[in-house]
Amino acid sequence: MMGWQPIETAPTVEGEDVLLAVNNRVLMGAFFRKWDYDRYAHRTDYVWVISGGRVVKPTHWMPIPEPPN
């Protein structure tokens, strides 16, 4: 399994869930166009979003591990 990586190396596939390190917490989130969350944003702006639509600024990411058998 892959360990924690800097957020700059995260996949930028819109809507793909990954684990995110945010303020010493681990959260599940995905990469989305900011346009979907902020009507004043440029269409090329992207943000990391967790459940509930909250925009976060993670420092690291990691793929979600496979569930146990």
Protein backbone atom coordinates (compact mmCIF):
# COMPACT_ATOMS: atom_id res chain seq x y z
CA MET A 1 0.00 0.00 0.00
CA MET A 2 1.13 3.51 -0.79
CA GLY A 3 1.82 5.83 2.17
CA TRP A 4 1.11 9.52 2.61
CA GLN A 5 2.20 11.73 -0.30
CA PRO A 6 2.38 15.54 -0.68
CA ILE A 7 -0.92 16.95 -1.94
CA GLU A 8 0.82 18.26 -5.07
CA THR A 9 1.18 14.65 -6.25
CA ALA A 10 -2.50 13.74 -5.76
CA PRO A 11 -4.55 12.55 -8.72
CA THR A 12 -6.69 15.30 -10.14
CA VAL A 13 -9.50 13.10 -11.42
CA GLU A 14 -12.66 14.99 -10.58
CA GLY A 15 -14.77 13.14 -8.00
CA GLU A 16 -12.25 10.37 -7.17
CA ASP A 17 -12.28 9.81 -3.40
CA VAL A 18 -8.94 9.74 -1.55
CA LEU A 19 -7.84 10.12 2.07
CA LEU A 20 -6.74 13.65 2.94
CA ALA A 21 -4.59 14.94 5.81
CA VAL A 22 -6.10 18.22 7.03
CA ASN A 23 -5.06 19.89 10.30
CA ASN A 24 -3.82 16.62 11.87
CA ARG A 25 -7.04 14.82 10.88
CA VAL A 26 -7.69 12.17 8.24
CA LEU A 27 -10.74 12.86 6.06
CA MET A 28 -12.12 11.38 2.86
CA GLY A 29 -12.53 13.88 0.05
CA ALA A 30 -12.35 14.48 -3.67
CA PHE A 31 -11.10 17.02 -6.21
CA PHE A 32 -13.82 19.17 -7.83
CA ARG A 33 -14.19 22.24 -9.96
CA LYS A 34 -14.59 25.22 -7.65
CA TRP A 35 -17.30 26.47 -10.01
CA ASP A 36 -19.63 23.84 -8.51
CA TYR A 37 -19.20 25.38 -5.02
CA ASP A 38 -18.59 29.06 -5.66
CA ARG A 39 -20.52 30.86 -8.36
CA TYR A 40 -17.87 33.61 -8.47
CA ALA A 41 -14.97 31.24 -9.20
CA HIS A 42 -13.27 30.84 -12.54
CA ARG A 43 -14.22 27.65 -14.35
CA THR A 44 -10.60 26.45 -14.18
CA ASP A 45 -10.31 26.70 -10.37
CA TYR A 46 -10.35 23.39 -8.48
CA VAL A 47 -10.67 22.60 -4.77
CA TRP A 48 -10.61 19.63 -2.39
CA VAL A 49 -14.05 18.92 -0.96
CA ILE A 50 -15.13 16.60 1.89
CA SER A 51 -18.60 15.30 2.70
CA GLY A 52 -21.15 18.01 3.24
CA GLY A 53 -19.52 20.14 0.55
CA ARG A 54 -16.90 21.65 2.86
CA VAL A 55 -13.82 22.92 1.00
CA VAL A 56 -10.51 21.98 2.71
CA LYS A 57 -6.80 22.60 2.14
CA PRO A 58 -5.05 19.26 2.70
CA THR A 59 -1.28 18.91 2.98
CA HIS A 60 -1.07 15.20 2.07
CA TRP A 61 -3.14 12.48 0.43
CA MET A 62 -3.28 8.68 0.26
CA PRO A 63 -5.38 6.24 -1.79
CA ILE A 64 -8.26 4.62 0.05
CA PRO A 65 -7.16 1.09 1.00
CA GLU A 66 -9.10 -1.98 -0.10
CA PRO A 67 -11.57 -3.26 2.50
CA PRO A 68 -10.68 -6.47 4.35
CA ASN A 69 -11.89 -9.77 2.91
